PDB file of N, CA and C in Angstrom:
ATOM      1  N   MET A   1     -55.671 -18.469   7.907  1.00  0.00           N
ATOM      2  CA  MET A   1     -54.919 -18.901   9.067  1.00  0.00           C
ATOM      3  C   MET A   1     -55.838 -19.744   9.945  1.00  0.00           C
ATOM      4  N   LYS A   2     -55.346 -20.894  10.337  1.00  0.00           N
ATOM      5  CA  LYS A   2     -56.128 -21.778  11.195  1.00  0.00           C
ATOM      6  C   LYS A   2     -56.241 -21.191  12.595  1.00  0.00           C
ATOM      7  N   ILE A   3     -57.259 -21.607  13.310  1.00  0.00           N
ATOM      8  CA  ILE A   3     -57.470 -21.123  14.676  1.00  0.00           C
ATOM      9  C   ILE A   3     -56.319 -21.541  15.585  1.00  0.00           C
ATOM     10  N   THR A   4     -55.718 -22.709  15.343  1.00  0.00           N
ATOM     11  CA  THR A   4     -54.614 -23.154  16.200  1.00  0.00           C
ATOM     12  C   THR A   4     -53.406 -22.243  16.029  1.00  0.00           C
ATOM     13  N   ASN A   5     -53.196 -21.693  14.848  1.00  0.00           N
ATOM     14  CA  ASN A   5     -52.079 -20.770  14.654  1.00  0.00           C
ATOM     15  C   ASN A   5     -52.314 -19.469  15.420  1.00  0.00           C
ATOM     16  N   LYS A   6     -53.540 -19.022  15.512  1.00  0.00           N
ATOM     17  CA  LYS A   6     -53.854 -17.790  16.230  1.00  0.00           C
ATOM     18  C   LYS A   6     -53.705 -17.985  17.734  1.00  0.00           C
ATOM     19  N   ILE A   7     -53.941 -19.173  18.227  1.00  0.00           N
ATOM     20  CA  ILE A   7     -53.858 -19.435  19.659  1.00  0.00           C
ATOM     21  C   ILE A   7     -52.422 -19.275  20.156  1.00  0.00           C
ATOM     22  N   TRP A   8     -51.434 -19.600  19.369  1.00  0.00           N
ATOM     23  CA  TRP A   8     -50.035 -19.499  19.776  1.00  0.00           C
ATOM     24  C   TRP A   8     -49.575 -18.048  19.902  1.00  0.00           C
ATOM     25  N   ILE A   9     -50.171 -17.151  19.134  1.00  0.00           N
ATOM     26  CA  ILE A   9     -49.690 -15.775  19.084  1.00  0.00           C
ATOM     27  C   ILE A   9     -49.948 -15.037  20.402  1.00  0.00           C
ATOM     28  N   LEU A  10     -51.148 -15.157  20.943  1.00  0.00           N
ATOM     29  CA  LEU A  10     -51.513 -14.398  22.140  1.00  0.00           C
ATOM     30  C   LEU A  10     -50.657 -14.718  23.361  1.00  0.00           C
ATOM     31  N   PRO A  11     -50.435 -15.989  23.711  1.00  0.00           N
ATOM     32  CA  PRO A  11     -49.574 -16.247  24.881  1.00  0.00           C
ATOM     33  C   PRO A  11     -48.141 -15.747  24.677  1.00  0.00           C
ATOM     34  N   CYS A  12     -47.636 -15.853  23.463  1.00  0.00           N
ATOM     35  CA  CYS A  12     -46.271 -15.375  23.202  1.00  0.00           C
ATOM     36  C   CYS A  12     -46.168 -13.873  23.420  1.00  0.00           C
ATOM     37  N   ILE A  13     -47.134 -13.121  22.921  1.00  0.00           N
ATOM     38  CA  ILE A  13     -47.125 -11.670  23.105  1.00  0.00           C
ATOM     39  C   ILE A  13     -47.262 -11.320  24.585  1.00  0.00           C
ATOM     40  N   ALA A  14     -48.155 -11.998  25.279  1.00  0.00           N
ATOM     41  CA  ALA A  14     -48.360 -11.718  26.698  1.00  0.00           C
ATOM     42  C   ALA A  14     -47.104 -12.002  27.509  1.00  0.00           C
ATOM     43  N   ILE A  15     -46.429 -13.100  27.240  1.00  0.00           N
ATOM     44  CA  ILE A  15     -45.218 -13.454  27.982  1.00  0.00           C
ATOM     45  C   ILE A  15     -44.118 -12.426  27.736  1.00  0.00           C
ATOM     46  N   ILE A  16     -43.965 -12.004  26.493  1.00  0.00           N
ATOM     47  CA  ILE A  16     -42.927 -11.014  26.183  1.00  0.00           C
ATOM     48  C   ILE A  16     -43.224  -9.687  26.872  1.00  0.00           C
ATOM     49  N   LEU A  17     -44.485  -9.259  26.860  1.00  0.00           N
ATOM     50  CA  LEU A  17     -44.843  -8.006  27.522  1.00  0.00           C
ATOM     51  C   LEU A  17     -44.633  -8.090  29.021  1.00  0.00           C
ATOM     52  N   ILE A  18     -44.981  -9.209  29.626  1.00  0.00           N
ATOM     53  CA  ILE A  18     -44.797  -9.378  31.068  1.00  0.00           C
ATOM     54  C   ILE A  18     -43.312  -9.369  31.424  1.00  0.00           C
ATOM     55  N   ALA A  19     -42.506 -10.074  30.647  1.00  0.00           N
ATOM     56  CA  ALA A  19     -41.066 -10.114  30.919  1.00  0.00           C
ATOM     57  C   ALA A  19     -40.443  -8.738  30.742  1.00  0.00           C
ATOM     58  N   GLY A  20     -40.849  -8.018  29.720  1.00  0.00           N
ATOM     59  CA  GLY A  20     -40.315  -6.679  29.495  1.00  0.00           C
ATOM     60  C   GLY A  20     -40.706  -5.727  30.595  1.00  0.00           C
ATOM     61  N   GLY A  21     -41.932  -5.794  31.057  1.00  0.00           N
ATOM     62  CA  GLY A  21     -42.388  -4.920  32.128  1.00  0.00           C
ATOM     63  C   GLY A  21     -41.645  -5.179  33.424  1.00  0.00           C
ATOM     64  N   ASN A  22     -41.412  -6.426  33.755  1.00  0.00           N
ATOM     65  CA  ASN A  22     -40.670  -6.757  34.974  1.00  0.00           C
ATOM     66  C   ASN A  22     -39.225  -6.293  34.882  1.00  0.00           C
ATOM     67  N   ALA A  23     -38.634  -6.411  33.707  1.00  0.00           N
ATOM     68  CA  ALA A  23     -37.241  -6.009  33.546  1.00  0.00           C
ATOM     69  C   ALA A  23     -37.090  -4.510  33.738  1.00  0.00           C
ATOM     70  N   ILE A  24     -38.013  -3.731  33.204  1.00  0.00           N
ATOM     71  CA  ILE A  24     -37.927  -2.285  33.322  1.00  0.00           C
ATOM     72  C   ILE A  24     -38.226  -1.844  34.749  1.00  0.00           C
ATOM     73  N   ALA A  25     -39.169  -2.491  35.403  1.00  0.00           N
ATOM     74  CA  ALA A  25     -39.544  -2.094  36.753  1.00  0.00           C
ATOM     75  C   ALA A  25     -38.434  -2.380  37.759  1.00  0.00           C
ATOM     76  N   GLN A  26     -37.583  -3.350  37.499  1.00  0.00           N
ATOM     77  CA  GLN A  26     -36.577  -3.747  38.471  1.00  0.00           C
ATOM     78  C   GLN A  26     -35.270  -2.971  38.338  1.00  0.00           C
ATOM     79  N   ASP A  27     -35.040  -2.320  37.229  1.00  0.00           N
ATOM     80  CA  ASP A  27     -33.770  -1.629  37.007  1.00  0.00           C
ATOM     81  C   ASP A  27     -33.994  -0.143  36.834  1.00  0.00           C
ATOM     82  N   GLU A  28     -32.986   0.607  37.249  1.00  0.00           N
ATOM     83  CA  GLU A  28     -33.016   2.016  36.939  1.00  0.00           C
ATOM     84  C   GLU A  28     -32.572   2.200  35.494  1.00  0.00           C
ATOM     85  N   LEU A  29     -32.845   3.336  34.928  1.00  0.00           N
ATOM     86  CA  LEU A  29     -32.527   3.553  33.520  1.00  0.00           C
ATOM     87  C   LEU A  29     -31.175   4.239  33.359  1.00  0.00           C
ATOM     88  N   SER A  30     -30.159   3.688  33.993  1.00  0.00           N
ATOM     89  CA  SER A  30     -28.786   4.132  33.761  1.00  0.00           C
ATOM     90  C   SER A  30     -28.212   3.278  32.639  1.00  0.00           C
ATOM     91  N   ALA A  31     -26.961   3.539  32.287  1.00  0.00           N
ATOM     92  CA  ALA A  31     -26.337   2.753  31.213  1.00  0.00           C
ATOM     93  C   ALA A  31     -26.260   1.280  31.595  1.00  0.00           C
ATOM     94  N   GLU A  32     -25.872   1.014  32.842  1.00  0.00           N
ATOM     95  CA  GLU A  32     -25.784  -0.373  33.299  1.00  0.00           C
ATOM     96  C   GLU A  32     -27.172  -1.006  33.384  1.00  0.00           C
ATOM     97  N   GLY A  33     -28.157  -0.234  33.808  1.00  0.00           N
ATOM     98  CA  GLY A  33     -29.531  -0.737  33.894  1.00  0.00           C
ATOM     99  C   GLY A  33     -30.083  -1.099  32.538  1.00  0.00           C
ATOM    100  N   VAL A  34     -29.782  -0.275  31.525  1.00  0.00           N
ATOM    101  CA  VAL A  34     -30.254  -0.565  30.169  1.00  0.00           C
ATOM    102  C   VAL A  34     -29.604  -1.834  29.642  1.00  0.00           C
ATOM    103  N   VAL A  35     -28.311  -2.019  29.930  1.00  0.00           N
ATOM    104  CA  VAL A  35     -27.622  -3.247  29.512  1.00  0.00           C
ATOM    105  C   VAL A  35     -28.262  -4.450  30.197  1.00  0.00           C
ATOM    106  N   ASN A  36     -28.597  -4.318  31.485  1.00  0.00           N
ATOM    107  CA  ASN A  36     -29.239  -5.422  32.207  1.00  0.00           C
ATOM    108  C   ASN A  36     -30.621  -5.732  31.645  1.00  0.00           C
ATOM    109  N   ILE A  37     -31.374  -4.698  31.318  1.00  0.00           N
ATOM    110  CA  ILE A  37     -32.701  -4.902  30.720  1.00  0.00           C
ATOM    111  C   ILE A  37     -32.572  -5.634  29.400  1.00  0.00           C
ATOM    112  N   PHE A  38     -31.663  -5.165  28.553  1.00  0.00           N
ATOM    113  CA  PHE A  38     -31.457  -5.796  27.249  1.00  0.00           C
ATOM    114  C   PHE A  38     -31.019  -7.245  27.408  1.00  0.00           C
ATOM    115  N   GLU A  39     -30.130  -7.496  28.360  1.00  0.00           N
ATOM    116  CA  GLU A  39     -29.629  -8.858  28.573  1.00  0.00           C
ATOM    117  C   GLU A  39     -30.751  -9.787  29.019  1.00  0.00           C
ATOM    118  N   ARG A  40     -31.592  -9.333  29.950  1.00  0.00           N
ATOM    119  CA  ARG A  40     -32.689 -10.175  30.418  1.00  0.00           C
ATOM    120  C   ARG A  40     -33.714 -10.439  29.324  1.00  0.00           C
ATOM    121  N   LEU A  41     -34.044  -9.423  28.563  1.00  0.00           N
ATOM    122  CA  LEU A  41     -34.996  -9.628  27.459  1.00  0.00           C
ATOM    123  C   LEU A  41     -34.423 -10.581  26.413  1.00  0.00           C
ATOM    124  N   ALA A  42     -33.134 -10.442  26.118  1.00  0.00           N
ATOM    125  CA  ALA A  42     -32.502 -11.321  25.136  1.00  0.00           C
ATOM    126  C   ALA A  42     -32.479 -12.765  25.630  1.00  0.00           C
ATOM    127  N   LYS A  43     -32.137 -12.967  26.899  1.00  0.00           N
ATOM    128  CA  LYS A  43     -32.126 -14.328  27.448  1.00  0.00           C
ATOM    129  C   LYS A  43     -33.521 -14.938  27.422  1.00  0.00           C
ATOM    130  N   PHE A  44     -34.521 -14.121  27.739  1.00  0.00           N
ATOM    131  CA  PHE A  44     -35.896 -14.613  27.701  1.00  0.00           C
ATOM    132  C   PHE A  44     -36.299 -14.987  26.278  1.00  0.00           C
ATOM    133  N   ALA A  45     -35.962 -14.135  25.313  1.00  0.00           N
ATOM    134  CA  ALA A  45     -36.300 -14.415  23.911  1.00  0.00           C
ATOM    135  C   ALA A  45     -35.590 -15.680  23.418  1.00  0.00           C
ATOM    136  N   ILE A  46     -34.346 -15.870  23.844  1.00  0.00           N
ATOM    137  CA  ILE A  46     -33.610 -17.080  23.464  1.00  0.00           C
ATOM    138  C   ILE A  46     -34.272 -18.314  24.077  1.00  0.00           C
ATOM    139  N   PHE A  47     -34.678 -18.223  25.337  1.00  0.00           N
ATOM    140  CA  PHE A  47     -35.353 -19.339  25.994  1.00  0.00           C
ATOM    141  C   PHE A  47     -36.651 -19.701  25.260  1.00  0.00           C
ATOM    142  N   VAL A  48     -37.452 -18.696  24.942  1.00  0.00           N
ATOM    143  CA  VAL A  48     -38.710 -18.942  24.216  1.00  0.00           C
ATOM    144  C   VAL A  48     -38.418 -19.516  22.839  1.00  0.00           C
ATOM    145  N   GLY A  49     -37.404 -18.982  22.173  1.00  0.00           N
ATOM    146  CA  GLY A  49     -37.038 -19.487  20.845  1.00  0.00           C
ATOM    147  C   GLY A  49     -36.617 -20.945  20.872  1.00  0.00           C
ATOM    148  N   ILE A  50     -35.829 -21.309  21.852  1.00  0.00           N
ATOM    149  CA  ILE A  50     -35.402 -22.707  21.966  1.00  0.00           C
ATOM    150  C   ILE A  50     -36.596 -23.616  22.231  1.00  0.00           C
ATOM    151  N   ALA A  51     -37.500 -23.176  23.109  1.00  0.00           N
ATOM    152  CA  ALA A  51     -38.687 -23.984  23.403  1.00  0.00           C
ATOM    153  C   ALA A  51     -39.536 -24.171  22.141  1.00  0.00           C
ATOM    154  N   LEU A  52     -39.708 -23.111  21.370  1.00  0.00           N
ATOM    155  CA  LEU A  52     -40.495 -23.216  20.140  1.00  0.00           C
ATOM    156  C   LEU A  52     -39.809 -24.099  19.101  1.00  0.00           C
ATOM    157  N   ILE A  53     -38.484 -24.035  19.036  1.00  0.00           N
ATOM    158  CA  ILE A  53     -37.750 -24.884  18.092  1.00  0.00           C
ATOM    159  C   ILE A  53     -37.907 -26.354  18.458  1.00  0.00           C
ATOM    160  N   VAL A  54     -37.832 -26.663  19.743  1.00  0.00           N
ATOM    161  CA  VAL A  54     -38.011 -28.055  20.173  1.00  0.00           C
ATOM    162  C   VAL A  54     -39.404 -28.548  19.778  1.00  0.00           C
ATOM    163  N   ILE A  55     -40.414 -27.719  20.027  1.00  0.00           N
ATOM    164  CA  ILE A  55     -41.789 -28.101  19.648  1.00  0.00           C
ATOM    165  C   ILE A  55     -41.890 -28.293  18.147  1.00  0.00           C
ATOM    166  N   TYR A  56     -41.288 -27.394  17.382  1.00  0.00           N
ATOM    167  CA  TYR A  56     -41.338 -27.457  15.922  1.00  0.00           C
ATOM    168  C   TYR A  56     -40.674 -28.737  15.406  1.00  0.00           C
ATOM    169  N   ILE A  57     -39.526 -29.081  15.970  1.00  0.00           N
ATOM    170  CA  ILE A  57     -38.815 -30.285  15.529  1.00  0.00           C
ATOM    171  C   ILE A  57     -39.602 -31.539  15.905  1.00  0.00           C
ATOM    172  N   VAL A  58     -40.200 -31.551  17.080  1.00  0.00           N
ATOM    173  CA  VAL A  58     -41.012 -32.707  17.488  1.00  0.00           C
ATOM    174  C   VAL A  58     -42.211 -32.863  16.550  1.00  0.00           C
ATOM    175  N   LEU A  59     -42.866 -31.760  16.210  1.00  0.00           N
ATOM    176  CA  LEU A  59     -44.001 -31.844  15.279  1.00  0.00           C
ATOM    177  C   LEU A  59     -43.557 -32.323  13.898  1.00  0.00           C
ATOM    178  N   ALA A  60     -42.380 -31.892  13.454  1.00  0.00           N
ATOM    179  CA  ALA A  60     -41.856 -32.363  12.171  1.00  0.00           C
ATOM    180  C   ALA A  60     -41.548 -33.856  12.231  1.00  0.00           C
ATOM    181  N   ALA A  61     -41.017 -34.319  13.356  1.00  0.00           N
ATOM    182  CA  ALA A  61     -40.736 -35.750  13.518  1.00  0.00           C
ATOM    183  C   ALA A  61     -42.029 -36.556  13.519  1.00  0.00           C
ATOM    184  N   ILE A  62     -43.064 -36.026  14.140  1.00  0.00           N
ATOM    185  CA  ILE A  62     -44.361 -36.703  14.128  1.00  0.00           C
ATOM    186  C   ILE A  62     -44.901 -36.774  12.701  1.00  0.00           C
ATOM    187  N   LYS A  63     -44.699 -35.705  11.944  1.00  0.00           N
ATOM    188  CA  LYS A  63     -45.153 -35.702  10.547  1.00  0.00           C
ATOM    189  C   LYS A  63     -44.424 -36.788   9.744  1.00  0.00           C
ATOM    190  N   ILE A  64     -43.126 -36.959  10.017  1.00  0.00           N
ATOM    191  CA  ILE A  64     -42.370 -38.017   9.328  1.00  0.00           C
ATOM    192  C   ILE A  64     -42.895 -39.390   9.750  1.00  0.00           C
ATOM    193  N   ALA A  65     -43.131 -39.559  11.038  1.00  0.00           N
ATOM    194  CA  ALA A  65     -43.572 -40.856  11.552  1.00  0.00           C
ATOM    195  C   ALA A  65     -44.947 -41.240  11.035  1.00  0.00           C
ATOM    196  N   THR A  66     -45.799 -40.249  10.781  1.00  0.00           N
ATOM    197  CA  THR A  66     -47.160 -40.532  10.331  1.00  0.00           C
ATOM    198  C   THR A  66     -47.333 -40.367   8.826  1.00  0.00           C
ATOM    199  N   ALA A  67     -46.247 -40.199   8.098  1.00  0.00           N
ATOM    200  CA  ALA A  67     -46.341 -39.970   6.657  1.00  0.00           C
ATOM    201  C   ALA A  67     -46.859 -41.198   5.913  1.00  0.00           C
ATOM    202  N   GLY A  68     -46.676 -42.364   6.473  1.00  0.00           N
ATOM    203  CA  GLY A  68     -47.110 -43.578   5.775  1.00  0.00           C
ATOM    204  C   GLY A  68     -46.227 -43.789   4.559  1.00  0.00           C
ATOM    205  N   GLY A  69     -46.779 -43.619   3.412  1.00  0.00           N
ATOM    206  CA  GLY A  69     -45.995 -43.733   2.189  1.00  0.00           C
ATOM    207  C   GLY A  69     -46.026 -42.449   1.382  1.00  0.00           C
ATOM    208  N   ASP A  70     -46.610 -41.408   1.952  1.00  0.00           N
ATOM    209  CA  ASP A  70     -46.772 -40.137   1.261  1.00  0.00           C
ATOM    210  C   ASP A  70     -45.444 -39.381   1.257  1.00  0.00           C
ATOM    211  N   MET A  71     -44.835 -39.322   0.080  1.00  0.00           N
ATOM    212  CA  MET A  71     -43.520 -38.694  -0.044  1.00  0.00           C
ATOM    213  C   MET A  71     -43.559 -37.194   0.230  1.00  0.00           C
ATOM    214  N   SER A  72     -44.679 -36.526  -0.063  1.00  0.00           N
ATOM    215  CA  SER A  72     -44.747 -35.085   0.176  1.00  0.00           C
ATOM    216  C   SER A  72     -44.762 -34.783   1.679  1.00  0.00           C
ATOM    217  N   LYS A  73     -45.480 -35.587   2.451  1.00  0.00           N
ATOM    218  CA  LYS A  73     -45.488 -35.387   3.910  1.00  0.00           C
ATOM    219  C   LYS A  73     -44.120 -35.735   4.511  1.00  0.00           C
ATOM    220  N   LEU A  74     -43.481 -36.742   3.971  1.00  0.00           N
ATOM    221  CA  LEU A  74     -42.147 -37.109   4.426  1.00  0.00           C
ATOM    222  C   LEU A  74     -41.173 -35.960   4.166  1.00  0.00           C
ATOM    223  N   GLN A  75     -41.265 -35.365   2.985  1.00  0.00           N
ATOM    224  CA  GLN A  75     -40.391 -34.243   2.649  1.00  0.00           C
ATOM    225  C   GLN A  75     -40.701 -33.021   3.519  1.00  0.00           C
ATOM    226  N   GLU A  76     -41.980 -32.774   3.817  1.00  0.00           N
ATOM    227  CA  GLU A  76     -42.356 -31.670   4.703  1.00  0.00           C
ATOM    228  C   GLU A  76     -41.741 -31.866   6.090  1.00  0.00           C
ATOM    229  N   GLY A  77     -41.770 -33.096   6.585  1.00  0.00           N
ATOM    230  CA  GLY A  77     -41.172 -33.384   7.888  1.00  0.00           C
ATOM    231  C   GLY A  77     -39.668 -33.179   7.878  1.00  0.00           C
ATOM    232  N   LYS A  78     -39.007 -33.645   6.825  1.00  0.00           N
ATOM    233  CA  LYS A  78     -37.560 -33.449   6.714  1.00  0.00           C
ATOM    234  C   LYS A  78     -37.212 -31.964   6.639  1.00  0.00           C
ATOM    235  N   ASP A  79     -38.002 -31.227   5.864  1.00  0.00           N
ATOM    236  CA  ASP A  79     -37.768 -29.785   5.765  1.00  0.00           C
ATOM    237  C   ASP A  79     -37.992 -29.099   7.107  1.00  0.00           C
ATOM    238  N   GLY A  80     -39.003 -29.556   7.843  1.00  0.00           N
ATOM    239  CA  GLY A  80     -39.263 -28.987   9.161  1.00  0.00           C
ATOM    240  C   GLY A  80     -38.103 -29.195  10.114  1.00  0.00           C
ATOM    241  N   ILE A  81     -37.530 -30.386  10.097  1.00  0.00           N
ATOM    242  CA  ILE A  81     -36.375 -30.655  10.954  1.00  0.00           C
ATOM    243  C   ILE A  81     -35.181 -29.819  10.513  1.00  0.00           C
ATOM    244  N   LYS A  82     -34.988 -29.717   9.194  1.00  0.00           N
ATOM    245  CA  LYS A  82     -33.872 -28.915   8.674  1.00  0.00           C
ATOM    246  C   LYS A  82     -34.008 -27.465   9.129  1.00  0.00           C
ATOM    247  N   TRP A  83     -35.180 -26.857   8.957  1.00  0.00           N
ATOM    248  CA  TRP A  83     -35.368 -25.463   9.332  1.00  0.00           C
ATOM    249  C   TRP A  83     -35.351 -25.266  10.843  1.00  0.00           C
ATOM    250  N   GLY A  84     -35.779 -26.269  11.584  1.00  0.00           N
ATOM    251  CA  GLY A  84     -35.674 -26.195  13.035  1.00  0.00           C
ATOM    252  C   GLY A  84     -34.225 -26.150  13.489  1.00  0.00           C
ATOM    253  N   LEU A  85     -33.391 -26.978  12.865  1.00  0.00           N
ATOM    254  CA  LEU A  85     -31.969 -26.976  13.204  1.00  0.00           C
ATOM    255  C   LEU A  85     -31.295 -25.675  12.768  1.00  0.00           C
ATOM    256  N   ILE A  86     -31.697 -25.145  11.614  1.00  0.00           N
ATOM    257  CA  ILE A  86     -31.159 -23.856  11.180  1.00  0.00           C
ATOM    258  C   ILE A  86     -31.560 -22.768  12.181  1.00  0.00           C
ATOM    259  N   GLY A  87     -32.794 -22.808  12.655  1.00  0.00           N
ATOM    260  CA  GLY A  87     -33.240 -21.851  13.666  1.00  0.00           C
ATOM    261  C   GLY A  87     -32.432 -21.965  14.944  1.00  0.00           C
ATOM    262  N   ALA A  88     -32.100 -23.193  15.340  1.00  0.00           N
ATOM    263  CA  ALA A  88     -31.290 -23.395  16.543  1.00  0.00           C
ATOM    264  C   ALA A  88     -29.899 -22.789  16.368  1.00  0.00           C
ATOM    265  N   VAL A  89     -29.323 -22.946  15.192  1.00  0.00           N
ATOM    266  CA  VAL A  89     -28.003 -22.367  14.917  1.00  0.00           C
ATOM    267  C   VAL A  89     -28.075 -20.836  14.947  1.00  0.00           C
ATOM    268  N   VAL A  90     -29.153 -20.276  14.400  1.00  0.00           N
ATOM    269  CA  VAL A  90     -29.320 -18.821  14.420  1.00  0.00           C
ATOM    270  C   VAL A  90     -29.436 -18.319  15.859  1.00  0.00           C
ATOM    271  N   ILE A  91     -30.214 -19.009  16.681  1.00  0.00           N
ATOM    272  CA  ILE A  91     -30.355 -18.589  18.078  1.00  0.00           C
ATOM    273  C   ILE A  91     -29.027 -18.711  18.819  1.00  0.00           C
ATOM    274  N   LEU A  92     -28.267 -19.752  18.533  1.00  0.00           N
ATOM    275  CA  LEU A  92     -26.940 -19.884  19.135  1.00  0.00           C
ATOM    276  C   LEU A  92     -26.052 -18.718  18.710  1.00  0.00           C
ATOM    277  N   GLY A  93     -26.124 -18.333  17.450  1.00  0.00           N
ATOM    278  CA  GLY A  93     -25.352 -17.187  16.966  1.00  0.00           C
ATOM    279  C   GLY A  93     -25.760 -15.900  17.648  1.00  0.00           C
ATOM    280  N   VAL A  94     -27.052 -15.713  17.844  1.00  0.00           N
ATOM    281  CA  VAL A  94     -27.543 -14.525  18.551  1.00  0.00           C
ATOM    282  C   VAL A  94     -27.011 -14.508  19.978  1.00  0.00           C
ATOM    283  N   TYR A  95     -27.006 -15.652  20.620  1.00  0.00           N
ATOM    284  CA  TYR A  95     -26.498 -15.753  21.988  1.00  0.00           C
ATOM    285  C   TYR A  95     -25.014 -15.352  22.044  1.00  0.00           C
ATOM    286  N   VAL A  96     -24.232 -15.821  21.093  1.00  0.00           N
ATOM    287  CA  VAL A  96     -22.806 -15.480  21.044  1.00  0.00           C
ATOM    288  C   VAL A  96     -22.625 -13.981  20.802  1.00  0.00           C
ATOM    289  N   ILE A  97     -23.401 -13.419  19.884  1.00  0.00           N
ATOM    290  CA  ILE A  97     -23.298 -11.987  19.592  1.00  0.00           C
ATOM    291  C   ILE A  97     -23.673 -11.158  20.812  1.00  0.00           C
ATOM    292  N   ILE A  98     -24.741 -11.541  21.501  1.00  0.00           N
ATOM    293  CA  ILE A  98     -25.169 -10.798  22.690  1.00  0.00           C
ATOM    294  C   ILE A  98     -24.096 -10.840  23.765  1.00  0.00           C
ATOM    295  N   ASN A  99     -23.502 -12.005  23.992  1.00  0.00           N
ATOM    296  CA  ASN A  99     -22.448 -12.095  25.016  1.00  0.00           C
ATOM    297  C   ASN A  99     -21.211 -11.310  24.607  1.00  0.00           C
ATOM    298  N   THR A 100     -20.898 -11.273  23.324  1.00  0.00           N
ATOM    299  CA  THR A 100     -19.763 -10.494  22.847  1.00  0.00           C
ATOM    300  C   THR A 100     -20.009  -9.008  23.066  1.00  0.00           C
ATOM    301  N   ILE A 101     -21.194  -8.530  22.713  1.00  0.00           N
ATOM    302  CA  ILE A 101     -21.527  -7.114  22.911  1.00  0.00           C
ATOM    303  C   ILE A 101     -21.525  -6.774  24.393  1.00  0.00           C
ATOM    304  N   LYS A 102     -22.059  -7.671  25.201  1.00  0.00           N
ATOM    305  CA  LYS A 102     -22.085  -7.431  26.647  1.00  0.00           C
ATOM    306  C   LYS A 102     -20.689  -7.298  27.208  1.00  0.00           C
ATOM    307  N   SER A 103     -19.767  -8.171  26.787  1.00  0.00           N
ATOM    308  CA  SER A 103     -18.405  -8.103  27.308  1.00  0.00           C
ATOM    309  C   SER A 103     -17.693  -6.841  26.824  1.00  0.00           C
ATOM    310  N   ILE A 104     -18.018  -6.373  25.618  1.00  0.00           N
ATOM    311  CA  ILE A 104     -17.409  -5.141  25.110  1.00  0.00           C
ATOM    312  C   ILE A 104     -17.947  -3.928  25.877  1.00  0.00           C
ATOM    313  N   VAL A 105     -19.265  -3.891  26.078  1.00  0.00           N
ATOM    314  CA  VAL A 105     -19.889  -2.748  26.749  1.00  0.00           C
ATOM    315  C   VAL A 105     -19.532  -2.725  28.239  1.00  0.00           C
ATOM    316  N   ALA A 106     -19.584  -3.884  28.874  1.00  0.00           N
ATOM    317  CA  ALA A 106     -19.345  -3.953  30.316  1.00  0.00           C
ATOM    318  C   ALA A 106     -17.858  -3.799  30.661  1.00  0.00           C
ATOM    319  N   GLY A 107     -17.009  -4.061  29.698  1.00  0.00           N
ATOM    320  CA  GLY A 107     -15.576  -3.863  29.940  1.00  0.00           C
ATOM    321  C   GLY A 107     -14.909  -5.080  30.312  1.00  0.00           C
TER     322      GLY A 107
END
């Protein structure tokens, strides 16, 4: 694993822990409080996921732009954009599922 890949992991873990701690500290642990905690954590995770997908797609586009004539790099860039878009669709699906569950639980 390259050092640049390790650098991304630590800030992501720290941000998730900070967001989770704030969510728990602000709500009581009743049924409604647990739903609010889950909703805030889910929204935060979706926000981070979208930001990472945008970065991933931009890096894939840069790979395509700098491929020159190398067909393997061109294909890697195309695959990166494809998987980035698939990730965006998955996150959109998660958002829909979370809102559906919230409306069912909240009444």
